Amino acid sequence: MIRSELLQALAKENPGLRAEEIERVVDTFFEEIASSLAEGGRVELRGFGAFSTRQRDARKGRNPRTGESVSVPQKSVPYFKAGKEMRARLNS
């Protein structure tokens, strides 16, 4: 499912809301998750899963075009762990 399909599904389930209102809700939802993760926080949605960040250590990489060795700095990456109910639903 892509973002536009999500907006359409929400509009179908909530006919009393205008498209702009639904889009604002979805934008706010994703923005709050991203903001929390950017601050080093964690977002847990019971029954769905938890979003957090993990650190990747600095390392030596290789430029595939030239074969030259390059240094890749340490960075944070998003991580998602599915909740118990989500795993059960996927494996039923």
PDB file of N, CA and C in Angstrom:
ATOM      1  N   MET A   1       0.847  -1.177   0.000  1.00  0.00           N
ATOM      2  CA  MET A   1       0.000   0.000   0.000  1.00  0.00           C
ATOM      3  C   MET A   1       0.887   1.233   0.000  1.00  0.00           C
ATOM      4  N   ILE A   2       0.547   2.180  -0.853  1.00  0.00           N
ATOM      5  CA  ILE A   2       1.265   3.445  -0.883  1.00  0.00           C
ATOM      6  C   ILE A   2       0.410   4.517  -0.205  1.00  0.00           C
ATOM      7  N   ARG A   3       1.008   5.691  -0.001  1.00  0.00           N
ATOM      8  CA  ARG A   3       0.354   6.755   0.761  1.00  0.00           C
ATOM      9  C   ARG A   3      -1.016   7.123   0.179  1.00  0.00           C
ATOM     10  N   SER A   4      -1.108   7.259  -1.134  1.00  0.00           N
ATOM     11  CA  SER A   4      -2.385   7.643  -1.745  1.00  0.00           C
ATOM     12  C   SER A   4      -3.460   6.582  -1.527  1.00  0.00           C
ATOM     13  N   GLU A   5      -3.076   5.313  -1.520  1.00  0.00           N
ATOM     14  CA  GLU A   5      -4.029   4.240  -1.250  1.00  0.00           C
ATOM     15  C   GLU A   5      -4.498   4.288   0.205  1.00  0.00           C
ATOM     16  N   LEU A   6      -3.593   4.630   1.108  1.00  0.00           N
ATOM     17  CA  LEU A   6      -3.964   4.783   2.513  1.00  0.00           C
ATOM     18  C   LEU A   6      -4.978   5.917   2.671  1.00  0.00           C
ATOM     19  N   LEU A   7      -4.721   7.040   2.004  1.00  0.00           N
ATOM     20  CA  LEU A   7      -5.641   8.176   2.077  1.00  0.00           C
ATOM     21  C   LEU A   7      -7.020   7.798   1.530  1.00  0.00           C
ATOM     22  N   GLN A   8      -7.048   7.049   0.437  1.00  0.00           N
ATOM     23  CA  GLN A   8      -8.320   6.628  -0.138  1.00  0.00           C
ATOM     24  C   GLN A   8      -9.070   5.688   0.804  1.00  0.00           C
ATOM     25  N   ALA A   9      -8.355   4.761   1.430  1.00  0.00           N
ATOM     26  CA  ALA A   9      -8.988   3.824   2.361  1.00  0.00           C
ATOM     27  C   ALA A   9      -9.557   4.565   3.566  1.00  0.00           C
ATOM     28  N   LEU A  10      -8.829   5.537   4.091  1.00  0.00           N
ATOM     29  CA  LEU A  10      -9.317   6.320   5.221  1.00  0.00           C
ATOM     30  C   LEU A  10     -10.525   7.165   4.821  1.00  0.00           C
ATOM     31  N   ALA A  11     -10.514   7.720   3.619  1.00  0.00           N
ATOM     32  CA  ALA A  11     -11.648   8.515   3.144  1.00  0.00           C
ATOM     33  C   ALA A  11     -12.898   7.649   3.005  1.00  0.00           C
ATOM     34  N   LYS A  12     -12.715   6.423   2.549  1.00  0.00           N
ATOM     35  CA  LYS A  12     -13.841   5.503   2.389  1.00  0.00           C
ATOM     36  C   LYS A  12     -14.440   5.130   3.745  1.00  0.00           C
ATOM     37  N   GLU A  13     -13.574   4.934   4.751  1.00  0.00           N
ATOM     38  CA  GLU A  13     -14.028   4.560   6.093  1.00  0.00           C
ATOM     39  C   GLU A  13     -14.588   5.737   6.880  1.00  0.00           C
ATOM     40  N   ASN A  14     -14.237   6.957   6.488  1.00  0.00           N
ATOM     41  CA  ASN A  14     -14.662   8.168   7.211  1.00  0.00           C
ATOM     42  C   ASN A  14     -15.266   9.177   6.243  1.00  0.00           C
ATOM     43  N   PRO A  15     -16.478   8.917   5.747  1.00  0.00           N
ATOM     44  CA  PRO A  15     -17.067   9.806   4.743  1.00  0.00           C
ATOM     45  C   PRO A  15     -17.375  11.217   5.267  1.00  0.00           C
ATOM     46  N   GLY A  16     -17.396  11.401   6.583  1.00  0.00           N
ATOM     47  CA  GLY A  16     -17.679  12.709   7.154  1.00  0.00           C
ATOM     48  C   GLY A  16     -16.494  13.654   7.139  1.00  0.00           C
ATOM     49  N   LEU A  17     -15.317  13.153   6.798  1.00  0.00           N
ATOM     50  CA  LEU A  17     -14.116  13.993   6.770  1.00  0.00           C
ATOM     51  C   LEU A  17     -13.766  14.378   5.340  1.00  0.00           C
ATOM     52  N   ARG A  18     -13.308  15.607   5.170  1.00  0.00           N
ATOM     53  CA  ARG A  18     -12.855  16.060   3.850  1.00  0.00           C
ATOM     54  C   ARG A  18     -11.479  15.467   3.561  1.00  0.00           C
ATOM     55  N   ALA A  19     -11.124  15.399   2.302  1.00  0.00           N
ATOM     56  CA  ALA A  19      -9.829  14.842   1.886  1.00  0.00           C
ATOM     57  C   ALA A  19      -8.669  15.608   2.528  1.00  0.00           C
ATOM     58  N   GLU A  20      -8.792  16.918   2.642  1.00  0.00           N
ATOM     59  CA  GLU A  20      -7.726  17.742   3.240  1.00  0.00           C
ATOM     60  C   GLU A  20      -7.528  17.387   4.720  1.00  0.00           C
ATOM     61  N   GLU A  21      -8.626  17.110   5.414  1.00  0.00           N
ATOM     62  CA  GLU A  21      -8.535  16.745   6.834  1.00  0.00           C
ATOM     63  C   GLU A  21      -7.853  15.392   7.000  1.00  0.00           C
ATOM     64  N   ILE A  22      -8.213  14.455   6.162  1.00  0.00           N
ATOM     65  CA  ILE A  22      -7.587  13.126   6.234  1.00  0.00           C
ATOM     66  C   ILE A  22      -6.103  13.230   5.937  1.00  0.00           C
ATOM     67  N   GLU A  23      -5.749  14.016   4.931  1.00  0.00           N
ATOM     68  CA  GLU A  23      -4.341  14.183   4.581  1.00  0.00           C
ATOM     69  C   GLU A  23      -3.567  14.841   5.723  1.00  0.00           C
ATOM     70  N   ARG A  24      -4.186  15.807   6.389  1.00  0.00           N
ATOM     71  CA  ARG A  24      -3.532  16.476   7.520  1.00  0.00           C
ATOM     72  C   ARG A  24      -3.295  15.493   8.668  1.00  0.00           C
ATOM     73  N   VAL A  25      -4.260  14.617   8.928  1.00  0.00           N
ATOM     74  CA  VAL A  25      -4.124  13.618   9.989  1.00  0.00           C
ATOM     75  C   VAL A  25      -2.963  12.661   9.670  1.00  0.00           C
ATOM     76  N   VAL A  26      -2.915  12.171   8.441  1.00  0.00           N
ATOM     77  CA  VAL A  26      -1.853  11.236   8.034  1.00  0.00           C
ATOM     78  C   VAL A  26      -0.493  11.928   8.106  1.00  0.00           C
ATOM     79  N   ASP A  27      -0.404  13.168   7.595  1.00  0.00           N
ATOM     80  CA  ASP A  27       0.861  13.911   7.653  1.00  0.00           C
ATOM     81  C   ASP A  27       1.321  14.110   9.094  1.00  0.00           C
ATOM     82  N   THR A  28       0.393  14.473   9.981  1.00  0.00           N
ATOM     83  CA  THR A  28       0.728  14.680  11.394  1.00  0.00           C
ATOM     84  C   THR A  28       1.201  13.385  12.033  1.00  0.00           C
ATOM     85  N   PHE A  29       0.523  12.279  11.735  1.00  0.00           N
ATOM     86  CA  PHE A  29       0.886  10.974  12.284  1.00  0.00           C
ATOM     87  C   PHE A  29       2.330  10.613  11.921  1.00  0.00           C
ATOM     88  N   PHE A  30       2.663  10.703  10.635  1.00  0.00           N
ATOM     89  CA  PHE A  30       4.007  10.344  10.196  1.00  0.00           C
ATOM     90  C   PHE A  30       5.053  11.344  10.695  1.00  0.00           C
ATOM     91  N   GLU A  31       4.699  12.621  10.736  1.00  0.00           N
ATOM     92  CA  GLU A  31       5.632  13.646  11.212  1.00  0.00           C
ATOM     93  C   GLU A  31       5.968  13.438  12.689  1.00  0.00           C
ATOM     94  N   GLU A  32       4.981  13.077  13.499  1.00  0.00           N
ATOM     95  CA  GLU A  32       5.236  12.839  14.918  1.00  0.00           C
ATOM     96  C   GLU A  32       6.135  11.622  15.131  1.00  0.00           C
ATOM     97  N   ILE A  33       5.940  10.576  14.352  1.00  0.00           N
ATOM     98  CA  ILE A  33       6.818   9.404  14.446  1.00  0.00           C
ATOM     99  C   ILE A  33       8.237   9.805  14.071  1.00  0.00           C
ATOM    100  N   ALA A  34       8.398  10.505  12.945  1.00  0.00           N
ATOM    101  CA  ALA A  34       9.726  10.916  12.487  1.00  0.00           C
ATOM    102  C   ALA A  34      10.408  11.846  13.493  1.00  0.00           C
ATOM    103  N   SER A  35       9.650  12.780  14.058  1.00  0.00           N
ATOM    104  CA  SER A  35      10.217  13.715  15.041  1.00  0.00           C
ATOM    105  C   SER A  35      10.693  12.989  16.284  1.00  0.00           C
ATOM    106  N   SER A  36       9.902  12.054  16.757  1.00  0.00           N
ATOM    107  CA  SER A  36      10.279  11.292  17.946  1.00  0.00           C
ATOM    108  C   SER A  36      11.550  10.478  17.695  1.00  0.00           C
ATOM    109  N   LEU A  37      11.640   9.858  16.536  1.00  0.00           N
ATOM    110  CA  LEU A  37      12.826   9.075  16.208  1.00  0.00           C
ATOM    111  C   LEU A  37      14.048   9.969  16.048  1.00  0.00           C
ATOM    112  N   ALA A  38      13.876  11.150  15.451  1.00  0.00           N
ATOM    113  CA  ALA A  38      14.982  12.086  15.266  1.00  0.00           C
ATOM    114  C   ALA A  38      15.542  12.560  16.601  1.00  0.00           C
ATOM    115  N   GLU A  39      14.689  12.614  17.627  1.00  0.00           N
ATOM    116  CA  GLU A  39      15.129  13.021  18.964  1.00  0.00           C
ATOM    117  C   GLU A  39      15.692  11.853  19.761  1.00  0.00           C
ATOM    118  N   GLY A  40      15.764  10.681  19.141  1.00  0.00           N
ATOM    119  CA  GLY A  40      16.296   9.512  19.825  1.00  0.00           C
ATOM    120  C   GLY A  40      15.251   8.725  20.589  1.00  0.00           C
ATOM    121  N   GLY A  41      13.984   9.056  20.402  1.00  0.00           N
ATOM    122  CA  GLY A  41      12.907   8.385  21.117  1.00  0.00           C
ATOM    123  C   GLY A  41      12.466   7.097  20.455  1.00  0.00           C
ATOM    124  N   ARG A  42      11.392   6.576  20.984  1.00  0.00           N
ATOM    125  CA  ARG A  42      10.819   5.321  20.505  1.00  0.00           C
ATOM    126  C   ARG A  42       9.310   5.526  20.419  1.00  0.00           C
ATOM    127  N   VAL A  43       8.692   4.926  19.401  1.00  0.00           N
ATOM    128  CA  VAL A  43       7.243   5.027  19.226  1.00  0.00           C
ATOM    129  C   VAL A  43       6.675   3.621  19.249  1.00  0.00           C
ATOM    130  N   GLU A  44       5.782   3.362  20.207  1.00  0.00           N
ATOM    131  CA  GLU A  44       5.183   2.037  20.335  1.00  0.00           C
ATOM    132  C   GLU A  44       3.689   2.135  20.089  1.00  0.00           C
ATOM    133  N   LEU A  45       3.204   1.329  19.147  1.00  0.00           N
ATOM    134  CA  LEU A  45       1.781   1.250  18.841  1.00  0.00           C
ATOM    135  C   LEU A  45       1.336  -0.152  19.221  1.00  0.00           C
ATOM    136  N   ARG A  46       0.659  -0.270  20.349  1.00  0.00           N
ATOM    137  CA  ARG A  46       0.265  -1.579  20.880  1.00  0.00           C
ATOM    138  C   ARG A  46      -0.488  -2.392  19.842  1.00  0.00           C
ATOM    139  N   GLY A  47      -0.101  -3.644  19.700  1.00  0.00           N
ATOM    140  CA  GLY A  47      -0.739  -4.545  18.755  1.00  0.00           C
ATOM    141  C   GLY A  47      -0.192  -4.422  17.344  1.00  0.00           C
ATOM    142  N   PHE A  48       0.539  -3.343  17.059  1.00  0.00           N
ATOM    143  CA  PHE A  48       1.094  -3.139  15.724  1.00  0.00           C
ATOM    144  C   PHE A  48       2.597  -3.345  15.724  1.00  0.00           C
ATOM    145  N   GLY A  49       3.306  -2.544  16.521  1.00  0.00           N
ATOM    146  CA  GLY A  49       4.751  -2.678  16.582  1.00  0.00           C
ATOM    147  C   GLY A  49       5.400  -1.449  17.186  1.00  0.00           C
ATOM    148  N   ALA A  50       6.723  -1.437  17.144  1.00  0.00           N
ATOM    149  CA  ALA A  50       7.486  -0.340  17.733  1.00  0.00           C
ATOM    150  C   ALA A  50       8.537   0.156  16.750  1.00  0.00           C
ATOM    151  N   PHE A  51       8.644   1.470  16.649  1.00  0.00           N
ATOM    152  CA  PHE A  51       9.657   2.118  15.836  1.00  0.00           C
ATOM    153  C   PHE A  51      10.753   2.615  16.768  1.00  0.00           C
ATOM    154  N   SER A  52      11.989   2.415  16.380  1.00  0.00           N
ATOM    155  CA  SER A  52      13.116   2.929  17.149  1.00  0.00           C
ATOM    156  C   SER A  52      14.268   3.169  16.178  1.00  0.00           C
ATOM    157  N   THR A  53      15.409   3.583  16.705  1.00  0.00           N
ATOM    158  CA  THR A  53      16.586   3.768  15.857  1.00  0.00           C
ATOM    159  C   THR A  53      17.702   2.857  16.348  1.00  0.00           C
ATOM    160  N   ARG A  54      18.574   2.523  15.441  1.00  0.00           N
ATOM    161  CA  ARG A  54      19.763   1.737  15.764  1.00  0.00           C
ATOM    162  C   ARG A  54      20.963   2.460  15.193  1.00  0.00           C
ATOM    163  N   GLN A  55      22.102   2.259  15.839  1.00  0.00           N
ATOM    164  CA  GLN A  55      23.334   2.890  15.384  1.00  0.00           C
ATOM    165  C   GLN A  55      24.119   1.927  14.504  1.00  0.00           C
ATOM    166  N   ARG A  56      24.595   2.429  13.380  1.00  0.00           N
ATOM    167  CA  ARG A  56      25.513   1.666  12.540  1.00  0.00           C
ATOM    168  C   ARG A  56      26.889   2.260  12.749  1.00  0.00           C
ATOM    169  N   ASP A  57      27.846   1.401  13.049  1.00  0.00           N
ATOM    170  CA  ASP A  57      29.211   1.855  13.298  1.00  0.00           C
ATOM    171  C   ASP A  57      29.866   2.373  12.020  1.00  0.00           C
ATOM    172  N   ALA A  58      30.856   3.239  12.214  1.00  0.00           N
ATOM    173  CA  ALA A  58      31.660   3.702  11.086  1.00  0.00           C
ATOM    174  C   ALA A  58      32.402   2.495  10.520  1.00  0.00           C
ATOM    175  N   ARG A  59      32.642   2.512   9.215  1.00  0.00           N
ATOM    176  CA  ARG A  59      33.318   1.377   8.585  1.00  0.00           C
ATOM    177  C   ARG A  59      34.005   1.828   7.316  1.00  0.00           C
ATOM    178  N   LYS A  60      34.788   0.949   6.769  1.00  0.00           N
ATOM    179  CA  LYS A  60      35.435   1.189   5.481  1.00  0.00           C
ATOM    180  C   LYS A  60      34.578   0.547   4.401  1.00  0.00           C
ATOM    181  N   GLY A  61      34.196   1.321   3.412  1.00  0.00           N
ATOM    182  CA  GLY A  61      33.420   0.814   2.293  1.00  0.00           C
ATOM    183  C   GLY A  61      34.250   0.874   1.028  1.00  0.00           C
ATOM    184  N   ARG A  62      33.633   0.497  -0.063  1.00  0.00           N
ATOM    185  CA  ARG A  62      34.337   0.516  -1.333  1.00  0.00           C
ATOM    186  C   ARG A  62      33.440   1.144  -2.389  1.00  0.00           C
ATOM    187  N   ASN A  63      34.017   2.083  -3.139  1.00  0.00           N
ATOM    188  CA  ASN A  63      33.307   2.703  -4.245  1.00  0.00           C
ATOM    189  C   ASN A  63      33.194   1.655  -5.355  1.00  0.00           C
ATOM    190  N   PRO A  64      31.968   1.248  -5.731  1.00  0.00           N
ATOM    191  CA  PRO A  64      31.827   0.179  -6.720  1.00  0.00           C
ATOM    192  C   PRO A  64      32.312   0.572  -8.118  1.00  0.00           C
ATOM    193  N   ARG A  65      32.308   1.851  -8.415  1.00  0.00           N
ATOM    194  CA  ARG A  65      32.739   2.295  -9.744  1.00  0.00           C
ATOM    195  C   ARG A  65      34.255   2.266  -9.894  1.00  0.00           C
ATOM    196  N   THR A  66      34.955   2.747  -8.857  1.00  0.00           N
ATOM    197  CA  THR A  66      36.415   2.849  -8.957  1.00  0.00           C
ATOM    198  C   THR A  66      37.151   1.788  -8.155  1.00  0.00           C
ATOM    199  N   GLY A  67      36.473   1.150  -7.218  1.00  0.00           N
ATOM    200  CA  GLY A  67      37.122   0.171  -6.356  1.00  0.00           C
ATOM    201  C   GLY A  67      37.903   0.815  -5.228  1.00  0.00           C
ATOM    202  N   GLU A  68      37.866   2.149  -5.168  1.00  0.00           N
ATOM    203  CA  GLU A  68      38.598   2.893  -4.149  1.00  0.00           C
ATOM    204  C   GLU A  68      37.955   2.710  -2.773  1.00  0.00           C
ATOM    205  N   SER A  69      38.777   2.599  -1.743  1.00  0.00           N
ATOM    206  CA  SER A  69      38.290   2.460  -0.379  1.00  0.00           C
ATOM    207  C   SER A  69      37.839   3.825   0.141  1.00  0.00           C
ATOM    208  N   VAL A  70      36.656   3.874   0.752  1.00  0.00           N
ATOM    209  CA  VAL A  70      36.134   5.123   1.313  1.00  0.00           C
ATOM    210  C   VAL A  70      35.664   4.860   2.731  1.00  0.00           C
ATOM    211  N   SER A  71      35.692   5.900   3.548  1.00  0.00           N
ATOM    212  CA  SER A  71      35.219   5.719   4.920  1.00  0.00           C
ATOM    213  C   SER A  71      33.757   6.126   4.995  1.00  0.00           C
ATOM    214  N   VAL A  72      32.950   5.275   5.629  1.00  0.00           N
ATOM    215  CA  VAL A  72      31.527   5.512   5.808  1.00  0.00           C
ATOM    216  C   VAL A  72      31.330   5.874   7.278  1.00  0.00           C
ATOM    217  N   PRO A  73      30.776   7.076   7.560  1.00  0.00           N
ATOM    218  CA  PRO A  73      30.639   7.500   8.962  1.00  0.00           C
ATOM    219  C   PRO A  73      29.549   6.735   9.707  1.00  0.00           C
ATOM    220  N   GLN A  74      29.604   6.828  11.028  1.00  0.00           N
ATOM    221  CA  GLN A  74      28.566   6.245  11.878  1.00  0.00           C
ATOM    222  C   GLN A  74      27.255   6.955  11.578  1.00  0.00           C
ATOM    223  N   LYS A  75      26.137   6.207  11.646  1.00  0.00           N
ATOM    224  CA  LYS A  75      24.845   6.833  11.404  1.00  0.00           C
ATOM    225  C   LYS A  75      23.745   6.089  12.134  1.00  0.00           C
ATOM    226  N   SER A  76      22.616   6.784  12.309  1.00  0.00           N
ATOM    227  CA  SER A  76      21.423   6.191  12.899  1.00  0.00           C
ATOM    228  C   SER A  76      20.502   5.742  11.771  1.00  0.00           C
ATOM    229  N   VAL A  77      19.873   4.581  11.942  1.00  0.00           N
ATOM    230  CA  VAL A  77      18.929   4.075  10.945  1.00  0.00           C
ATOM    231  C   VAL A  77      17.628   3.699  11.651  1.00  0.00           C
ATOM    232  N   PRO A  78      16.481   3.876  10.976  1.00  0.00           N
ATOM    233  CA  PRO A  78      15.218   3.498  11.592  1.00  0.00           C
ATOM    234  C   PRO A  78      15.086   1.985  11.681  1.00  0.00           C
ATOM    235  N   TYR A  79      14.374   1.526  12.703  1.00  0.00           N
ATOM    236  CA  TYR A  79      14.167   0.099  12.927  1.00  0.00           C
ATOM    237  C   TYR A  79      12.723  -0.109  13.349  1.00  0.00           C
ATOM    238  N   PHE A  80      12.101  -1.156  12.823  1.00  0.00           N
ATOM    239  CA  PHE A  80      10.725  -1.481  13.189  1.00  0.00           C
ATOM    240  C   PHE A  80      10.669  -2.918  13.664  1.00  0.00           C
ATOM    241  N   LYS A  81      10.018  -3.124  14.796  1.00  0.00           N
ATOM    242  CA  LYS A  81       9.806  -4.467  15.309  1.00  0.00           C
ATOM    243  C   LYS A  81       8.303  -4.687  15.406  1.00  0.00           C
ATOM    244  N   ALA A  82       7.811  -5.692  14.689  1.00  0.00           N
ATOM    245  CA  ALA A  82       6.374  -5.981  14.696  1.00  0.00           C
ATOM    246  C   ALA A  82       5.951  -6.475  16.066  1.00  0.00           C
ATOM    247  N   GLY A  83       4.731  -6.092  16.475  1.00  0.00           N
ATOM    248  CA  GLY A  83       4.178  -6.524  17.746  1.00  0.00           C
ATOM    249  C   GLY A  83       3.670  -7.956  17.676  1.00  0.00           C
ATOM    250  N   LYS A  84       3.362  -8.487  18.832  1.00  0.00           N
ATOM    251  CA  LYS A  84       2.909  -9.884  18.940  1.00  0.00           C
ATOM    252  C   LYS A  84       1.648 -10.133  18.114  1.00  0.00           C
ATOM    253  N   GLU A  85       0.668  -9.231  18.205  1.00  0.00           N
ATOM    254  CA  GLU A  85      -0.579  -9.409  17.453  1.00  0.00           C
ATOM    255  C   GLU A  85      -0.345  -9.328  15.948  1.00  0.00           C
ATOM    256  N   MET A  86       0.548  -8.440  15.517  1.00  0.00           N
ATOM    257  CA  MET A  86       0.858  -8.316  14.095  1.00  0.00           C
ATOM    258  C   MET A  86       1.528  -9.589  13.582  1.00  0.00           C
ATOM    259  N   ARG A  87       2.481 -10.108  14.332  1.00  0.00           N
ATOM    260  CA  ARG A  87       3.163 -11.356  13.919  1.00  0.00           C
ATOM    261  C   ARG A  87       2.163 -12.500  13.834  1.00  0.00           C
ATOM    262  N   ALA A  88       1.245 -12.589  14.809  1.00  0.00           N
ATOM    263  CA  ALA A  88       0.244 -13.651  14.807  1.00  0.00           C
ATOM    264  C   ALA A  88      -0.671 -13.523  13.592  1.00  0.00           C
ATOM    265  N   ARG A  89      -1.042 -12.307  13.244  1.00  0.00           N
ATOM    266  CA  ARG A  89      -1.918 -12.091  12.098  1.00  0.00           C
ATOM    267  C   ARG A  89      -1.220 -12.461  10.787  1.00  0.00           C
ATOM    268  N   LEU A  90       0.069 -12.151  10.688  1.00  0.00           N
ATOM    269  CA  LEU A  90       0.820 -12.478   9.475  1.00  0.00           C
ATOM    270  C   LEU A  90       1.061 -13.956   9.325  1.00  0.00           C
ATOM    271  N   ASN A  91       1.126 -14.688  10.431  1.00  0.00           N
ATOM    272  CA  ASN A  91       1.456 -16.100  10.385  1.00  0.00           C
ATOM    273  C   ASN A  91       0.265 -17.019  10.649  1.00  0.00           C
ATOM    274  N   SER A  92      -0.955 -16.488  10.511  1.00  0.00           N
ATOM    275  CA  SER A  92      -2.122 -17.333  10.765  1.00  0.00           C
ATOM    276  C   SER A  92      -2.527 -18.098   9.525  1.00  0.00           C
TER     277      SER A  92
END
